[in-house]
C-alpha atoms as a PDB file:
ATOM      1  CA  MET A   1      73.923  47.198 -55.569  1.00  0.00           C
ATOM      2  CA  LYS A   2      74.951  48.304 -52.331  1.00  0.00           C
ATOM      3  CA  LYS A   3      72.111  46.689 -50.862  1.00  0.00           C
ATOM      4  CA  GLU A   4      72.983  43.390 -52.260  1.00  0.00           C
ATOM      5  CA  ILE A   5      76.531  43.596 -51.200  1.00  0.00           C
ATOM      6  CA  HIS A   6      75.191  44.261 -47.875  1.00  0.00           C
ATOM      7  CA  LYS A   7      72.993  41.321 -47.787  1.00  0.00           C
ATOM      8  CA  SER A   8      75.871  38.936 -48.955  1.00  0.00           C
ATOM      9  CA  GLU A   9      77.977  40.358 -46.013  1.00  0.00           C
ATOM     10  CA  VAL A  10      75.301  39.831 -43.676  1.00  0.00           C
ATOM     11  CA  PHE A  11      74.819  35.962 -44.718  1.00  0.00           C
ATOM     12  CA  ALA A  12      78.535  35.261 -44.567  1.00  0.00           C
ATOM     13  CA  SER A  13      78.752  37.002 -41.153  1.00  0.00           C
ATOM     14  CA  LEU A  14      76.010  34.828 -39.815  1.00  0.00           C
ATOM     15  CA  PHE A  15      78.208  31.776 -40.074  1.00  0.00           C
ATOM     16  CA  SER A  16      81.737  33.233 -38.540  1.00  0.00           C
ATOM     17  CA  ARG A  17      83.602  30.911 -36.457  1.00  0.00           C
ATOM     18  CA  GLU A  18      82.492  32.932 -33.298  1.00  0.00           C
ATOM     19  CA  SER A  19      78.599  32.272 -34.317  1.00  0.00           C
ATOM     20  CA  ILE A  20      79.060  28.702 -35.176  1.00  0.00           C
ATOM     21  CA  SER A  21      80.868  27.950 -31.870  1.00  0.00           C
ATOM     22  CA  MET A  22      77.822  29.477 -30.120  1.00  0.00           C
ATOM     23  CA  ILE A  23      75.191  27.413 -32.200  1.00  0.00           C
ATOM     24  CA  GLU A  24      77.435  24.209 -31.561  1.00  0.00           C
ATOM     25  CA  LYS A  25      77.294  24.623 -27.758  1.00  0.00           C
ATOM     26  CA  SER A  26      73.533  25.215 -27.497  1.00  0.00           C
ATOM     27  CA  SER A  27      72.546  22.586 -30.059  1.00  0.00           C
ATOM     28  CA  LEU A  28      74.924  20.026 -28.538  1.00  0.00           C
ATOM     29  CA  ASP A  29      73.196  20.711 -25.138  1.00  0.00           C
ATOM     30  CA  SER A  30      69.972  19.883 -26.612  1.00  0.00           C
ATOM     31  CA  GLN A  31      70.854  16.429 -28.115  1.00  0.00           C
ATOM     32  CA  SER A  32      70.000  13.084 -26.678  1.00  0.00           C
ATOM     33  CA  MET A  33      71.222   9.780 -27.961  1.00  0.00           C
ATOM     34  CA  LYS A  34      67.962   7.767 -28.201  1.00  0.00           C
ATOM     35  CA  PRO A  35      67.241   4.640 -29.884  1.00  0.00           C
ATOM     36  CA  THR A  36      67.391   5.209 -33.762  1.00  0.00           C
ATOM     37  CA  PHE A  37      64.490   4.985 -36.202  1.00  0.00           C
ATOM     38  CA  ALA A  38      66.025   1.792 -37.615  1.00  0.00           C
ATOM     39  CA  GLN A  39      65.822   0.273 -34.240  1.00  0.00           C
ATOM     40  CA  GLU A  40      62.280   1.383 -33.622  1.00  0.00           C
ATOM     41  CA  LEU A  41      60.956   0.492 -36.895  1.00  0.00           C
ATOM     42  CA  GLY A  42      62.537  -2.985 -36.126  1.00  0.00           C
ATOM     43  CA  LEU A  43      60.704  -3.297 -33.099  1.00  0.00           C
ATOM     44  CA  ALA A  44      57.265  -2.260 -34.550  1.00  0.00           C
ATOM     45  CA  ARG A  45      57.689  -4.824 -37.425  1.00  0.00           C
ATOM     46  CA  LYS A  46      58.384  -7.442 -35.041  1.00  0.00           C
ATOM     47  CA  ARG A  47      55.068  -6.682 -33.387  1.00  0.00           C
ATOM     48  CA  SER A  48      53.543  -7.074 -36.759  1.00  0.00           C
ATOM     49  CA  ALA A  49      53.930 -10.800 -37.653  1.00  0.00           C
ATOM     50  CA  THR A  50      51.327 -10.486 -40.728  1.00  0.00           C
ATOM     51  CA  SER A  51      53.124  -7.659 -42.425  1.00  0.00           C
ATOM     52  CA  ARG A  52      54.522  -8.147 -45.919  1.00  0.00           C
ATOM     53  CA  ARG A  53      57.115  -6.029 -47.665  1.00  0.00           C
ATOM     54  CA  VAL A  54      56.083  -3.577 -50.272  1.00  0.00           C
ATOM     55  CA  THR A  55      57.752  -0.841 -52.007  1.00  0.00           C
ATOM     56  CA  PRO A  56      57.502   2.464 -49.563  1.00  0.00           C
ATOM     57  CA  ALA A  57      56.068   5.715 -50.608  1.00  0.00           C
ATOM     58  CA  LEU A  58      58.694   8.462 -50.490  1.00  0.00           C
ATOM     59  CA  VAL A  59      58.622  10.324 -47.352  1.00  0.00           C
ATOM     60  CA  PHE A  60      59.536  14.075 -47.270  1.00  0.00           C
ATOM     61  CA  ALA A  61      59.835  15.858 -43.889  1.00  0.00           C
ATOM     62  CA  ILE A  62      59.365  19.572 -44.324  1.00  0.00           C
ATOM     63  CA  THR A  63      60.848  21.468 -41.391  1.00  0.00           C
ATOM     64  CA  SER A  64      62.525  24.393 -39.849  1.00  0.00           C
ATOM     65  CA  GLY A  65      64.550  25.937 -37.401  1.00  0.00           C
ATOM     66  CA  LYS A  66      62.403  28.447 -36.037  1.00  0.00           C
ATOM     67  CA  GLY A  67      58.615  29.338 -36.462  1.00  0.00           C
ATOM     68  CA  GLY A  68      57.092  31.963 -38.728  1.00  0.00           C
ATOM     69  CA  VAL A  69      58.920  31.047 -41.756  1.00  0.00           C
ATOM     70  CA  GLY A  70      55.678  29.757 -43.685  1.00  0.00           C
ATOM     71  CA  LYS A  71      56.628  25.926 -43.386  1.00  0.00           C
ATOM     72  CA  THR A  72      52.843  24.991 -43.055  1.00  0.00           C
ATOM     73  CA  ASN A  73      51.813  27.063 -45.944  1.00  0.00           C
ATOM     74  CA  VAL A  74      54.482  25.379 -48.084  1.00  0.00           C
ATOM     75  CA  VAL A  75      53.340  21.980 -47.151  1.00  0.00           C
ATOM     76  CA  ALA A  76      49.681  22.562 -47.810  1.00  0.00           C
ATOM     77  CA  ASN A  77      50.448  24.169 -51.194  1.00  0.00           C
ATOM     78  CA  LEU A  78      53.105  21.730 -52.334  1.00  0.00           C
ATOM     79  CA  ALA A  79      50.369  18.743 -51.443  1.00  0.00           C
ATOM     80  CA  ALA A  80      47.851  20.701 -53.435  1.00  0.00           C
ATOM     81  CA  ALA A  81      50.250  21.184 -56.409  1.00  0.00           C
ATOM     82  CA  VAL A  82      51.079  17.456 -56.415  1.00  0.00           C
ATOM     83  CA  ALA A  83      47.496  16.380 -56.046  1.00  0.00           C
ATOM     84  CA  LEU A  84      46.520  18.620 -59.106  1.00  0.00           C
ATOM     85  CA  ARG A  85      49.032  16.532 -60.948  1.00  0.00           C
ATOM     86  CA  LYS A  86      46.831  13.438 -60.201  1.00  0.00           C
ATOM     87  CA  LYS A  87      49.231  11.910 -57.760  1.00  0.00           C
ATOM     88  CA  ARG A  88      48.131  10.586 -54.451  1.00  0.00           C
ATOM     89  CA  VAL A  89      49.603  12.515 -51.659  1.00  0.00           C
ATOM     90  CA  MET A  90      49.308  12.129 -47.744  1.00  0.00           C
ATOM     91  CA  VAL A  91      50.280  14.958 -45.457  1.00  0.00           C
ATOM     92  CA  ILE A  92      51.048  14.468 -41.526  1.00  0.00           C
ATOM     93  CA  ASP A  93      50.865  17.315 -39.339  1.00  0.00           C
ATOM     94  CA  GLY A  94      53.750  16.619 -37.174  1.00  0.00           C
ATOM     95  CA  ASP A  95      53.353  19.645 -35.055  1.00  0.00           C
ATOM     96  CA  LEU A  96      51.413  17.815 -32.212  1.00  0.00           C
ATOM     97  CA  GLY A  97      50.969  20.990 -29.805  1.00  0.00           C
ATOM     98  CA  LEU A  98      50.043  23.603 -32.270  1.00  0.00           C
ATOM     99  CA  ALA A  99      48.763  21.922 -35.403  1.00  0.00           C
ATOM    100  CA  ASN A 100      47.006  23.928 -37.976  1.00  0.00           C
ATOM    101  CA  LEU A 101      47.501  22.162 -41.335  1.00  0.00           C
ATOM    102  CA  ASP A 102      43.808  21.333 -41.503  1.00  0.00           C
ATOM    103  CA  LEU A 103      43.069  25.071 -41.733  1.00  0.00           C
ATOM    104  CA  PHE A 104      45.116  25.414 -44.837  1.00  0.00           C
ATOM    105  CA  LEU A 105      43.569  22.218 -46.348  1.00  0.00           C
ATOM    106  CA  GLY A 106      39.832  23.257 -45.492  1.00  0.00           C
ATOM    107  CA  VAL A 107      38.837  20.467 -43.477  1.00  0.00           C
ATOM    108  CA  ARG A 108      37.699  19.861 -39.792  1.00  0.00           C
ATOM    109  CA  PRO A 109      39.105  16.530 -38.140  1.00  0.00           C
ATOM    110  CA  VAL A 110      36.920  14.779 -35.802  1.00  0.00           C
ATOM    111  CA  TYR A 111      39.987  12.955 -34.319  1.00  0.00           C
ATOM    112  CA  THR A 112      43.590  13.903 -34.191  1.00  0.00           C
ATOM    113  CA  LEU A 113      46.916  12.270 -33.365  1.00  0.00           C
ATOM    114  CA  ALA A 114      46.184  13.059 -29.733  1.00  0.00           C
ATOM    115  CA  ASP A 115      43.282  10.832 -29.852  1.00  0.00           C
ATOM    116  CA  PHE A 116      45.302   8.073 -31.153  1.00  0.00           C
ATOM    117  CA  PHE A 117      48.028   8.341 -28.550  1.00  0.00           C
ATOM    118  CA  THR A 118      45.663   8.326 -25.808  1.00  0.00           C
ATOM    119  CA  GLY A 119      44.245   5.051 -27.412  1.00  0.00           C
ATOM    120  CA  LEU A 120      40.844   6.519 -28.054  1.00  0.00           C
ATOM    121  CA  VAL A 121      40.827   5.752 -32.055  1.00  0.00           C
ATOM    122  CA  ALA A 122      43.025   3.682 -34.355  1.00  0.00           C
ATOM    123  CA  LEU A 123      45.082   5.748 -36.919  1.00  0.00           C
ATOM    124  CA  ASP A 124      42.641   4.822 -39.844  1.00  0.00           C
ATOM    125  CA  GLU A 125      39.854   6.778 -37.877  1.00  0.00           C
ATOM    126  CA  ILE A 126      41.866   9.987 -37.940  1.00  0.00           C
ATOM    127  CA  ILE A 127      42.638  10.097 -41.642  1.00  0.00           C
ATOM    128  CA  ILE A 128      40.586  12.691 -43.540  1.00  0.00           C
ATOM    129  CA  SER A 129      40.558  13.996 -47.144  1.00  0.00           C
ATOM    130  CA  ASN A 130      40.037  17.403 -48.287  1.00  0.00           C
ATOM    131  CA  ARG A 131      38.370  18.444 -51.712  1.00  0.00           C
ATOM    132  CA  ASN A 132      41.762  18.238 -53.506  1.00  0.00           C
ATOM    133  CA  GLY A 133      41.909  14.551 -52.468  1.00  0.00           C
ATOM    134  CA  ILE A 134      44.818  15.059 -50.123  1.00  0.00           C
ATOM    135  CA  LEU A 135      44.956  12.726 -47.283  1.00  0.00           C
ATOM    136  CA  LEU A 136      45.563  14.347 -43.807  1.00  0.00           C
ATOM    137  CA  LEU A 137      46.743  12.921 -40.739  1.00  0.00           C
ATOM    138  CA  PRO A 138      45.947  15.701 -38.405  1.00  0.00           C
ATOM    139  CA  GLY A 139      47.974  16.768 -35.255  1.00  0.00           C
ATOM    140  CA  ALA A 140      46.673  18.052 -32.272  1.00  0.00           C
ATOM    141  CA  CYS A 141      46.231  21.751 -31.044  1.00  0.00           C
ATOM    142  CA  GLY A 142      46.432  22.972 -27.503  1.00  0.00           C
ATOM    143  CA  VAL A 143      47.006  19.559 -26.193  1.00  0.00           C
ATOM    144  CA  GLN A 144      50.411  19.686 -24.246  1.00  0.00           C
ATOM    145  CA  GLU A 145      50.493  15.950 -23.208  1.00  0.00           C
ATOM    146  CA  VAL A 146      51.461  14.908 -26.612  1.00  0.00           C
ATOM    147  CA  THR A 147      54.118  17.408 -27.441  1.00  0.00           C
ATOM    148  CA  THR A 148      56.717  14.787 -26.177  1.00  0.00           C
ATOM    149  CA  LEU A 149      56.167  11.453 -27.378  1.00  0.00           C
ATOM    150  CA  ARG A 150      57.026   8.376 -25.227  1.00  0.00           C
ATOM    151  CA  HIS A 151      58.978   5.635 -26.909  1.00  0.00           C
ATOM    152  CA  ASP A 152      55.903   3.185 -26.905  1.00  0.00           C
ATOM    153  CA  GLN A 153      53.890   5.993 -28.474  1.00  0.00           C
ATOM    154  CA  LYS A 154      56.411   6.140 -31.331  1.00  0.00           C
ATOM    155  CA  ILE A 155      56.468   2.619 -31.709  1.00  0.00           C
ATOM    156  CA  ALA A 156      52.524   2.434 -31.955  1.00  0.00           C
ATOM    157  CA  LEU A 157      52.527   5.348 -34.622  1.00  0.00           C
ATOM    158  CA  LEU A 158      55.208   3.467 -36.810  1.00  0.00           C
ATOM    159  CA  THR A 159      53.268   0.191 -36.434  1.00  0.00           C
ATOM    160  CA  GLU A 160      50.015   1.491 -37.555  1.00  0.00           C
ATOM    161  CA  LEU A 161      51.504   3.511 -40.422  1.00  0.00           C
ATOM    162  CA  ASP A 162      52.956   0.323 -41.441  1.00  0.00           C
ATOM    163  CA  ALA A 163      49.645  -1.220 -41.592  1.00  0.00           C
ATOM    164  CA  LEU A 164      48.019   1.567 -43.998  1.00  0.00           C
ATOM    165  CA  SER A 165      46.510  -0.147 -46.948  1.00  0.00           C
ATOM    166  CA  HIS A 166      46.787   1.403 -50.518  1.00  0.00           C
ATOM    167  CA  GLU A 167      50.171   2.814 -51.423  1.00  0.00           C
ATOM    168  CA  VAL A 168      50.330   6.459 -51.850  1.00  0.00           C
ATOM    169  CA  ASP A 169      52.589   8.243 -54.326  1.00  0.00           C
ATOM    170  CA  LEU A 170      54.380  10.404 -51.662  1.00  0.00           C
ATOM    171  CA  VAL A 171      54.029  11.719 -48.162  1.00  0.00           C
ATOM    172  CA  LEU A 172      54.781  15.139 -46.715  1.00  0.00           C
ATOM    173  CA  VAL A 173      55.437  15.569 -43.106  1.00  0.00           C
ATOM    174  CA  ASP A 174      54.975  18.896 -41.662  1.00  0.00           C
ATOM    175  CA  THR A 175      57.133  18.844 -38.510  1.00  0.00           C
ATOM    176  CA  GLY A 176      57.165  21.479 -35.701  1.00  0.00           C
ATOM    177  CA  SER A 177      59.913  24.059 -35.558  1.00  0.00           C
ATOM    178  CA  GLY A 178      63.127  23.932 -33.689  1.00  0.00           C
ATOM    179  CA  ILE A 179      65.073  21.222 -32.347  1.00  0.00           C
ATOM    180  CA  SER A 180      62.901  19.271 -29.869  1.00  0.00           C
ATOM    181  CA  ASP A 181      62.718  15.369 -29.772  1.00  0.00           C
ATOM    182  CA  THR A 182      59.463  15.385 -31.636  1.00  0.00           C
ATOM    183  CA  VAL A 183      60.700  17.451 -34.530  1.00  0.00           C
ATOM    184  CA  THR A 184      63.983  15.337 -34.963  1.00  0.00           C
ATOM    185  CA  TYR A 185      61.710  12.173 -34.596  1.00  0.00           C
ATOM    186  CA  PHE A 186      59.666  13.121 -37.502  1.00  0.00           C
ATOM    187  CA  ALA A 187      62.681  14.623 -39.480  1.00  0.00           C
ATOM    188  CA  THR A 188      64.627  11.539 -39.145  1.00  0.00           C
ATOM    189  CA  SER A 189      61.681   9.118 -40.111  1.00  0.00           C
ATOM    190  CA  ALA A 190      61.676  10.532 -43.738  1.00  0.00           C
ATOM    191  CA  GLN A 191      63.958   9.597 -46.598  1.00  0.00           C
ATOM    192  CA  GLU A 192      64.572  13.367 -47.479  1.00  0.00           C
ATOM    193  CA  ILE A 193      64.548  16.450 -45.209  1.00  0.00           C
ATOM    194  CA  VAL A 194      63.714  19.782 -46.789  1.00  0.00           C
ATOM    195  CA  VAL A 195      64.482  22.746 -44.582  1.00  0.00           C
ATOM    196  CA  VAL A 196      62.436  25.856 -45.125  1.00  0.00           C
ATOM    197  CA  VAL A 197      64.402  29.268 -44.247  1.00  0.00           C
ATOM    198  CA  THR A 198      63.850  32.873 -44.965  1.00  0.00           C
ATOM    199  CA  PRO A 199      66.483  35.798 -45.364  1.00  0.00           C
ATOM    200  CA  GLU A 200      66.041  36.734 -41.923  1.00  0.00           C
ATOM    201  CA  PRO A 201      69.271  36.164 -39.766  1.00  0.00           C
ATOM    202  CA  SER A 202      67.415  34.440 -37.033  1.00  0.00           C
ATOM    203  CA  SER A 203      65.984  32.173 -39.567  1.00  0.00           C
ATOM    204  CA  MET A 204      69.254  31.202 -41.041  1.00  0.00           C
ATOM    205  CA  THR A 205      71.206  30.720 -37.825  1.00  0.00           C
ATOM    206  CA  ASP A 206      68.206  28.464 -36.511  1.00  0.00           C
ATOM    207  CA  ALA A 207      68.121  26.521 -39.711  1.00  0.00           C
ATOM    208  CA  TYR A 208      71.903  25.884 -39.259  1.00  0.00           C
ATOM    209  CA  ALA A 209      71.199  24.680 -35.714  1.00  0.00           C
ATOM    210  CA  LEU A 210      68.559  22.290 -36.719  1.00  0.00           C
ATOM    211  CA  VAL A 211      71.009  20.919 -39.440  1.00  0.00           C
ATOM    212  CA  LYS A 212      73.693  20.755 -36.747  1.00  0.00           C
ATOM    213  CA  VAL A 213      71.642  18.435 -34.453  1.00  0.00           C
ATOM    214  CA  LEU A 214      70.293  16.359 -37.071  1.00  0.00           C
ATOM    215  CA  ALA A 215      73.871  15.794 -38.767  1.00  0.00           C
ATOM    216  CA  SER A 216      75.786  15.480 -35.340  1.00  0.00           C
ATOM    217  CA  GLY A 217      73.050  13.657 -33.076  1.00  0.00           C
ATOM    218  CA  HIS A 218      71.299  11.663 -35.615  1.00  0.00           C
ATOM    219  CA  HIS A 219      73.754  11.059 -38.351  1.00  0.00           C
ATOM    220  CA  GLU A 220      71.658  12.844 -41.084  1.00  0.00           C
ATOM    221  CA  LYS A 221      74.280  14.016 -43.898  1.00  0.00           C
ATOM    222  CA  ARG A 222      71.972  15.244 -46.633  1.00  0.00           C
ATOM    223  CA  PHE A 223      69.449  18.102 -46.586  1.00  0.00           C
ATOM    224  CA  TYR A 224      67.403  20.182 -49.192  1.00  0.00           C
ATOM    225  CA  ILE A 225      67.016  23.979 -48.683  1.00  0.00           C
ATOM    226  CA  LEU A 226      64.043  25.710 -49.586  1.00  0.00           C
ATOM    227  CA  ALA A 227      64.138  29.492 -49.817  1.00  0.00           C
ATOM    228  CA  ASN A 228      60.908  31.236 -48.713  1.00  0.00           C
ATOM    229  CA  ASN A 229      59.772  34.783 -49.095  1.00  0.00           C
ATOM    230  CA  VAL A 230      63.093  35.988 -51.147  1.00  0.00           C
ATOM    231  CA  SER A 231      63.117  38.871 -53.490  1.00  0.00           C
ATOM    232  CA  ASP A 232      64.341  36.811 -56.497  1.00  0.00           C
ATOM    233  CA  LYS A 233      66.507  33.807 -57.293  1.00  0.00           C
ATOM    234  CA  ALA A 234      69.662  35.617 -56.773  1.00  0.00           C
ATOM    235  CA  GLU A 235      68.731  36.385 -53.150  1.00  0.00           C
ATOM    236  CA  ALA A 236      67.651  32.601 -52.837  1.00  0.00           C
ATOM    237  CA  ARG A 237      71.127  31.272 -54.052  1.00  0.00           C
ATOM    238  CA  ARG A 238      73.024  33.732 -51.721  1.00  0.00           C
ATOM    239  CA  LEU A 239      70.967  32.368 -48.854  1.00  0.00           C
ATOM    240  CA  PHE A 240      71.674  28.855 -49.820  1.00  0.00           C
ATOM    241  CA  ASP A 241      75.359  29.583 -50.691  1.00  0.00           C
ATOM    242  CA  ALA A 242      75.727  30.900 -46.940  1.00  0.00           C
ATOM    243  CA  LEU A 243      74.064  27.910 -45.295  1.00  0.00           C
ATOM    244  CA  SER A 244      75.702  25.302 -47.538  1.00  0.00           C
ATOM    245  CA  GLY A 245      79.271  26.650 -47.068  1.00  0.00           C
ATOM    246  CA  ALA A 246      78.928  26.576 -43.318  1.00  0.00           C
ATOM    247  CA  ALA A 247      77.390  23.087 -43.318  1.00  0.00           C
ATOM    248  CA  LEU A 248      79.945  21.565 -45.536  1.00  0.00           C
ATOM    249  CA  ARG A 249      82.767  23.237 -43.828  1.00  0.00           C
ATOM    250  CA  PHE A 250      81.860  22.849 -40.213  1.00  0.00           C
ATOM    251  CA  LEU A 251      79.357  19.646 -40.282  1.00  0.00           C
ATOM    252  CA  TYR A 252      80.513  17.664 -43.157  1.00  0.00           C
ATOM    253  CA  ALA A 253      76.922  17.671 -44.302  1.00  0.00           C
ATOM    254  CA  SER A 254      75.569  18.014 -47.982  1.00  0.00           C
ATOM    255  CA  LEU A 255      72.902  20.663 -48.765  1.00  0.00           C
ATOM    256  CA  ASP A 256      71.050  20.782 -52.046  1.00  0.00           C
ATOM    257  CA  PHE A 257      69.139  23.540 -53.403  1.00  0.00           C
ATOM    258  CA  PHE A 258      65.548  22.576 -53.620  1.00  0.00           C
ATOM    259  CA  GLY A 259      63.817  25.677 -54.858  1.00  0.00           C
ATOM    260  CA  TRP A 260      62.480  29.065 -53.898  1.00  0.00           C
ATOM    261  CA  ILE A 261      59.275  31.017 -53.308  1.00  0.00           C
ATOM    262  CA  PRO A 262      59.273  34.724 -54.218  1.00  0.00           C
ATOM    263  CA  ARG A 263      57.775  37.426 -51.976  1.00  0.00           C
ATOM    264  CA  ASP A 264      54.305  37.663 -53.320  1.00  0.00           C
ATOM    265  CA  PRO A 265      51.595  39.754 -52.084  1.00  0.00           C
ATOM    266  CA  GLN A 266      48.804  37.384 -53.589  1.00  0.00           C
ATOM    267  CA  LEU A 267      50.399  34.699 -51.373  1.00  0.00           C
ATOM    268  CA  ILE A 268      50.163  36.884 -48.225  1.00  0.00           C
ATOM    269  CA  GLN A 269      46.651  37.634 -49.036  1.00  0.00           C
ATOM    270  CA  ALA A 270      45.878  33.852 -49.499  1.00  0.00           C
ATOM    271  CA  VAL A 271      47.498  33.109 -46.218  1.00  0.00           C
ATOM    272  CA  SER A 272      45.362  35.507 -44.294  1.00  0.00           C
ATOM    273  CA  ARG A 273      42.268  33.718 -45.803  1.00  0.00           C
ATOM    274  CA  ALA A 274      43.634  30.256 -45.030  1.00  0.00           C
ATOM    275  CA  GLN A 275      43.459  29.600 -48.839  1.00  0.00           C
ATOM    276  CA  LEU A 276      45.860  27.997 -51.030  1.00  0.00           C
ATOM    277  CA  ILE A 277      47.671  30.070 -53.816  1.00  0.00           C
ATOM    278  CA  VAL A 278      47.973  27.281 -56.186  1.00  0.00           C
ATOM    279  CA  THR A 279      44.275  26.484 -56.308  1.00  0.00           C
ATOM    280  CA  GLU A 280      42.970  30.337 -55.886  1.00  0.00           C
ATOM    281  CA  ALA A 281      45.607  32.001 -58.098  1.00  0.00           C
ATOM    282  CA  SER A 282      47.367  29.565 -60.305  1.00  0.00           C
ATOM    283  CA  ASP A 283      49.195  32.417 -62.210  1.00  0.00           C
ATOM    284  CA  ALA A 284      50.691  34.105 -59.265  1.00  0.00           C
ATOM    285  CA  PRO A 285      54.504  34.098 -59.068  1.00  0.00           C
ATOM    286  CA  SER A 286      54.498  31.864 -55.990  1.00  0.00           C
ATOM    287  CA  ALA A 287      51.928  29.667 -57.244  1.00  0.00           C
ATOM    288  CA  LYS A 288      54.269  29.133 -60.227  1.00  0.00           C
ATOM    289  CA  ALA A 289      57.097  28.358 -57.979  1.00  0.00           C
ATOM    290  CA  PHE A 290      54.940  25.809 -56.031  1.00  0.00           C
ATOM    291  CA  ALA A 291      54.287  24.007 -59.439  1.00  0.00           C
ATOM    292  CA  VAL A 292      57.841  23.846 -60.141  1.00  0.00           C
ATOM    293  CA  MET A 293      58.729  22.195 -56.839  1.00  0.00           C
ATOM    294  CA  ALA A 294      55.703  19.918 -57.069  1.00  0.00           C
ATOM    295  CA  GLU A 295      57.065  18.627 -60.507  1.00  0.00           C
ATOM    296  CA  ARG A 296      60.531  18.211 -58.794  1.00  0.00           C
ATOM    297  CA  LEU A 297      58.719  16.137 -55.964  1.00  0.00           C
ATOM    298  CA  ILE A 298      57.012  13.787 -58.530  1.00  0.00           C
ATOM    299  CA  GLU A 299      60.254  13.303 -60.477  1.00  0.00           C
ATOM    300  CA  MET A 300      62.066  12.347 -57.381  1.00  0.00           C
ATOM    301  CA  THR A 301      59.316   9.977 -56.440  1.00  0.00           C
ATOM    302  CA  SER A 302      59.309   8.363 -59.737  1.00  0.00           C
ATOM    303  CA  ALA A 303      62.949   8.032 -59.938  1.00  0.00           C
ATOM    304  CA  ARG A 304      63.026   6.431 -56.360  1.00  0.00           C
ATOM    305  CA  VAL A 305      66.092   8.619 -55.626  1.00  0.00           C
ATOM    306  CA  ARG A 306      68.406   8.101 -52.639  1.00  0.00           C
ATOM    307  CA  ILE A 307      66.085   5.800 -50.471  1.00  0.00           C
ATOM    308  CA  LYS A 308      67.663   6.057 -47.052  1.00  0.00           C
ATOM    309  CA  GLY A 309      68.491   3.202 -45.347  1.00  0.00           C
ATOM    310  CA  ASN A 310      67.823   3.895 -41.747  1.00  0.00           C
ATOM    311  CA  VAL A 311      64.195   4.488 -41.811  1.00  0.00           C
ATOM    312  CA  GLN A 312      61.155   4.022 -44.410  1.00  0.00           C
ATOM    313  CA  PHE A 313      57.548   4.362 -44.060  1.00  0.00           C
ATOM    314  CA  PHE A 314      55.762   1.473 -45.384  1.00  0.00           C
ATOM    315  CA  PHE A 315      52.146   1.924 -46.434  1.00  0.00           C
ATOM    316  CA  ARG A 316      50.448  -1.505 -46.508  1.00  0.00           C
ATOM    317  CA  ARG A 317      46.818  -1.319 -46.023  1.00  0.00           C
ATOM    318  CA  MET A 318      45.467   2.419 -46.359  1.00  0.00           C
ATOM    319  CA  LEU A 319      42.026   2.308 -44.856  1.00  0.00           C
ATOM    320  CA  GLU A 320      39.362   3.101 -47.286  1.00  0.00           C
ATOM    321  CA  GLY A 321      37.050   4.532 -44.642  1.00  0.00           C
ATOM    322  CA  GLY A 322      39.641   7.254 -43.979  1.00  0.00           C
ATOM    323  CA  ARG A 323      38.882   9.173 -47.226  1.00  0.00           C
ATOM    324  CA  ALA A 324      35.414  10.311 -46.174  1.00  0.00           C
ATOM    325  CA  ALA A 325      35.117  13.835 -44.937  1.00  0.00           C
ATOM    326  CA  GLN A 326      35.546  17.076 -46.640  1.00  0.00           C
END
């Protein structure tokens, strides 16, 4: 009991007025008022005269305030859990400089987004499918030149995404971590933003800083919180309550509880082997947690909940040739 009270006090103290003030100062300094995604997508559509309006796939950005919270593992397992339920899912590795989602999905891309941005290949030539049928748009690893996207590169990406052929059921974007321009670019492109956070104080304060930047600088007002590596649901709820209370009080932003993943030795072993817990040990506590969240993703997709007005990804002609490799 004493230990739980101590954790609650730690959570509350993380969001005192003094700490909020420090985070606000640092995050505001990092903001830049650039063209909104609505403006960028509008420009992209003007350049695609033959495009036709279709219902967009629901896009979820999975992001975090700091690295090391298990974000990429979350994306890979959620995608696999959704695919196991016979839904078509695409994942986009938005960590352009240190991409590693391909490792978790068990594929070896021939081309990456770096090749697309340099003009070497079209977007359809990059897409690759893994053994579970997950479509991956791989990011680059160790290519510093694409870690900061130019405005014309963003337009090109939006234009070609808009030209993908067969509609998928949903899209998961694995963003980088932090509050860089590329992270906010991918986060604000999605209809829904899921912030992965762990009980570590640095993870929580950085998650708040990310919400601060997206809320104040990009007018995002709703976020989902996914608590990872927690001891139980009670700890997950305490983590969420601390973040939610601070965001509502100081940012006027709404946070919803998306789900939680327990601290699971089997998950740690799977990660060390670059394997997916949902396919390797479906009875593990963490695998069951991913299954619950996958069902929620599918439910949200089916209900078409809260389609955000500022940016939507439209998938018109997903290239058949991009499904090839295993």
